Amino acid sequence: MSDTVLDVQGLTCPLPVLKANKALRGLPGGARLVVLATDPASVADFRAFCGETGHELLAFAEVDGVLRFTLRKRASA
């Protein structure tokens, strides 16, 4: 299964998390979503989002100001 990529660069809190949540709803359990964001607040937002929803934050990296989050949708969602 390939990763789904969601580009929310240029959007600010809370839009990156809201759009990621919407994208995850359309994916099967266990699927991976890669989110590309530029809002520094997204780091804390995605950690909190995953903690509250049960989705897993697999990886986080920043390259040239672009934040890359790799999420795995919880199996029962």
N, C-alpha and C. Protein backbone atom coordinates (compact mmCIF):
# COMPACT_ATOMS: atom_id res chain seq x y z
N MET A 1 0.85 -1.17 0.00
CA MET A 1 0.00 0.00 0.00
C MET A 1 0.90 1.24 0.00
N SER A 2 0.67 2.17 -0.89
CA SER A 2 1.49 3.37 -0.95
C SER A 2 0.92 4.43 -0.01
N ASP A 3 1.77 5.37 0.36
CA ASP A 3 1.35 6.45 1.25
C ASP A 3 0.52 7.47 0.48
N THR A 4 -0.45 8.05 1.17
CA THR A 4 -1.21 9.17 0.64
C THR A 4 -0.51 10.44 1.12
N VAL A 5 -0.35 11.41 0.24
CA VAL A 5 0.33 12.66 0.58
C VAL A 5 -0.69 13.79 0.60
N LEU A 6 -0.65 14.56 1.68
CA LEU A 6 -1.52 15.73 1.84
C LEU A 6 -0.63 16.95 1.99
N ASP A 7 -0.72 17.89 1.06
CA ASP A 7 0.09 19.10 1.09
C ASP A 7 -0.74 20.25 1.65
N VAL A 8 -0.40 20.68 2.86
CA VAL A 8 -1.11 21.78 3.49
C VAL A 8 -0.15 22.95 3.77
N GLN A 9 0.89 23.05 2.97
CA GLN A 9 1.87 24.13 3.12
C GLN A 9 1.17 25.47 2.94
N GLY A 10 1.53 26.41 3.82
CA GLY A 10 0.94 27.74 3.75
C GLY A 10 -0.30 27.90 4.61
N LEU A 11 -0.88 26.81 5.08
CA LEU A 11 -2.06 26.89 5.94
C LEU A 11 -1.61 26.96 7.40
N THR A 12 -2.39 27.67 8.22
CA THR A 12 -2.05 27.80 9.63
C THR A 12 -3.05 27.08 10.51
N CYS A 13 -2.68 26.91 11.75
CA CYS A 13 -3.48 26.24 12.78
C CYS A 13 -4.90 26.80 12.78
N PRO A 14 -5.89 25.96 12.81
CA PRO A 14 -5.90 24.51 12.95
C PRO A 14 -6.06 23.76 11.63
N LEU A 15 -5.97 24.45 10.51
CA LEU A 15 -6.29 23.83 9.22
C LEU A 15 -5.45 22.59 8.88
N PRO A 16 -4.14 22.55 9.12
CA PRO A 16 -3.41 21.32 8.77
C PRO A 16 -3.97 20.06 9.44
N VAL A 17 -4.27 20.17 10.74
CA VAL A 17 -4.81 19.00 11.45
C VAL A 17 -6.23 18.68 10.98
N LEU A 18 -7.04 19.70 10.76
CA LEU A 18 -8.41 19.46 10.30
C LEU A 18 -8.42 18.77 8.94
N LYS A 19 -7.57 19.22 8.04
CA LYS A 19 -7.51 18.60 6.71
C LYS A 19 -6.93 17.18 6.79
N ALA A 20 -5.97 16.97 7.67
CA ALA A 20 -5.43 15.62 7.86
C ALA A 20 -6.50 14.69 8.42
N ASN A 21 -7.28 15.17 9.37
CA ASN A 21 -8.35 14.35 9.93
C ASN A 21 -9.35 13.95 8.85
N LYS A 22 -9.71 14.89 8.01
CA LYS A 22 -10.64 14.60 6.91
C LYS A 22 -10.04 13.57 5.95
N ALA A 23 -8.76 13.72 5.63
CA ALA A 23 -8.10 12.77 4.73
C ALA A 23 -8.03 11.38 5.35
N LEU A 24 -7.76 11.30 6.65
CA LEU A 24 -7.68 10.00 7.32
C LEU A 24 -9.03 9.29 7.31
N ARG A 25 -10.11 10.04 7.41
CA ARG A 25 -11.44 9.42 7.40
C ARG A 25 -11.69 8.65 6.11
N GLY A 26 -11.06 9.08 5.02
CA GLY A 26 -11.26 8.41 3.73
C GLY A 26 -10.31 7.26 3.48
N LEU A 27 -9.44 6.96 4.45
CA LEU A 27 -8.46 5.89 4.28
C LEU A 27 -8.82 4.67 5.12
N PRO A 28 -8.41 3.48 4.70
CA PRO A 28 -8.66 2.28 5.50
C PRO A 28 -7.76 2.26 6.74
N GLY A 29 -8.15 1.50 7.75
CA GLY A 29 -7.34 1.34 8.94
C GLY A 29 -5.95 0.83 8.59
N GLY A 30 -4.93 1.38 9.24
CA GLY A 30 -3.56 0.97 8.99
C GLY A 30 -2.88 1.73 7.87
N ALA A 31 -3.63 2.52 7.10
CA ALA A 31 -3.06 3.28 5.99
C ALA A 31 -2.17 4.40 6.52
N ARG A 32 -1.22 4.81 5.71
CA ARG A 32 -0.30 5.88 6.09
C ARG A 32 -0.62 7.16 5.32
N LEU A 33 -0.55 8.27 6.04
CA LEU A 33 -0.76 9.59 5.46
C LEU A 33 0.47 10.43 5.74
N VAL A 34 1.04 11.00 4.70
CA VAL A 34 2.18 11.91 4.83
C VAL A 34 1.64 13.33 4.66
N VAL A 35 1.87 14.16 5.67
CA VAL A 35 1.39 15.54 5.66
C VAL A 35 2.58 16.48 5.53
N LEU A 36 2.53 17.38 4.56
CA LEU A 36 3.55 18.39 4.36
C LEU A 36 2.98 19.73 4.82
N ALA A 37 3.61 20.34 5.82
CA ALA A 37 3.10 21.58 6.40
C ALA A 37 4.23 22.57 6.59
N THR A 38 3.87 23.83 6.81
CA THR A 38 4.88 24.86 7.07
C THR A 38 4.61 25.62 8.37
N ASP A 39 3.49 25.39 9.00
CA ASP A 39 3.15 26.09 10.25
C ASP A 39 3.88 25.44 11.42
N PRO A 40 4.77 26.15 12.10
CA PRO A 40 5.51 25.56 13.22
C PRO A 40 4.60 25.01 14.33
N ALA A 41 3.41 25.57 14.48
CA ALA A 41 2.48 25.08 15.49
C ALA A 41 1.99 23.67 15.17
N SER A 42 2.17 23.22 13.94
CA SER A 42 1.72 21.89 13.53
C SER A 42 2.41 20.78 14.32
N VAL A 43 3.64 21.03 14.77
CA VAL A 43 4.37 20.00 15.51
C VAL A 43 3.59 19.60 16.75
N ALA A 44 3.25 20.56 17.57
CA ALA A 44 2.47 20.28 18.79
C ALA A 44 1.07 19.81 18.44
N ASP A 45 0.49 20.39 17.40
CA ASP A 45 -0.88 20.03 17.01
C ASP A 45 -0.98 18.56 16.61
N PHE A 46 -0.04 18.08 15.79
CA PHE A 46 -0.12 16.69 15.34
C PHE A 46 0.18 15.71 16.47
N ARG A 47 1.08 16.08 17.38
CA ARG A 47 1.32 15.21 18.55
C ARG A 47 0.06 15.09 19.39
N ALA A 48 -0.60 16.20 19.65
CA ALA A 48 -1.83 16.19 20.43
C ALA A 48 -2.94 15.44 19.69
N PHE A 49 -3.07 15.69 18.40
CA PHE A 49 -4.09 15.03 17.59
C PHE A 49 -3.94 13.52 17.64
N CYS A 50 -2.72 13.03 17.46
CA CYS A 50 -2.50 11.59 17.49
C CYS A 50 -2.75 11.02 18.89
N GLY A 51 -2.34 11.75 19.91
CA GLY A 51 -2.59 11.29 21.27
C GLY A 51 -4.07 11.18 21.61
N GLU A 52 -4.86 12.08 21.06
CA GLU A 52 -6.29 12.09 21.35
C GLU A 52 -7.10 11.13 20.48
N THR A 53 -6.64 10.87 19.27
CA THR A 53 -7.44 10.07 18.33
C THR A 53 -7.01 8.61 18.22
N GLY A 54 -5.80 8.30 18.68
CA GLY A 54 -5.31 6.93 18.55
C GLY A 54 -4.57 6.65 17.26
N HIS A 55 -4.49 7.64 16.37
CA HIS A 55 -3.66 7.49 15.18
C HIS A 55 -2.20 7.57 15.65
N GLU A 56 -1.30 6.99 14.88
CA GLU A 56 0.10 6.93 15.29
C GLU A 56 0.95 7.90 14.48
N LEU A 57 1.75 8.70 15.18
CA LEU A 57 2.71 9.57 14.53
C LEU A 57 3.98 8.75 14.35
N LEU A 58 4.20 8.25 13.14
CA LEU A 58 5.33 7.37 12.86
C LEU A 58 6.64 8.11 12.74
N ALA A 59 6.60 9.29 12.12
CA ALA A 59 7.84 10.03 11.88
C ALA A 59 7.53 11.51 11.73
N PHE A 60 8.54 12.31 12.06
CA PHE A 60 8.47 13.75 11.87
C PHE A 60 9.85 14.22 11.43
N ALA A 61 9.89 15.08 10.43
CA ALA A 61 11.15 15.65 9.98
C ALA A 61 10.88 17.06 9.45
N GLU A 62 11.93 17.89 9.48
CA GLU A 62 11.86 19.22 8.89
C GLU A 62 13.02 19.39 7.93
N VAL A 63 12.70 19.76 6.70
CA VAL A 63 13.72 20.00 5.68
C VAL A 63 13.39 21.31 4.98
N ASP A 64 14.29 22.26 5.08
CA ASP A 64 14.13 23.57 4.42
C ASP A 64 12.80 24.23 4.76
N GLY A 65 12.39 24.15 6.01
CA GLY A 65 11.17 24.80 6.46
C GLY A 65 9.89 24.03 6.20
N VAL A 66 9.99 22.87 5.58
CA VAL A 66 8.80 22.04 5.34
C VAL A 66 8.78 20.93 6.38
N LEU A 67 7.68 20.87 7.11
CA LEU A 67 7.48 19.85 8.13
C LEU A 67 6.81 18.65 7.48
N ARG A 68 7.36 17.47 7.72
CA ARG A 68 6.81 16.25 7.12
C ARG A 68 6.40 15.30 8.25
N PHE A 69 5.11 15.03 8.33
CA PHE A 69 4.56 14.13 9.34
C PHE A 69 4.09 12.86 8.65
N THR A 70 4.45 11.72 9.18
CA THR A 70 3.94 10.46 8.66
C THR A 70 3.05 9.86 9.74
N LEU A 71 1.77 9.70 9.40
CA LEU A 71 0.77 9.19 10.34
C LEU A 71 0.27 7.83 9.86
N ARG A 72 -0.09 6.98 10.82
CA ARG A 72 -0.76 5.72 10.48
C ARG A 72 -2.15 5.76 11.11
N LYS A 73 -3.16 5.54 10.29
CA LYS A 73 -4.54 5.54 10.78
C LYS A 73 -4.77 4.36 11.70
N ARG A 74 -5.42 4.60 12.79
CA ARG A 74 -5.70 3.49 13.72
C ARG A 74 -6.57 2.45 13.02
N ALA A 75 -6.39 1.23 13.42
CA ALA A 75 -7.04 0.11 12.73
C ALA A 75 -8.56 0.14 12.85
N SER A 76 -9.08 0.64 13.94
CA SER A 76 -10.53 0.57 14.17
C SER A 76 -11.26 1.86 13.81
N ALA A 77 -10.61 2.75 13.08
CA ALA A 77 -11.27 4.04 12.77
C ALA A 77 -11.93 4.01 11.42
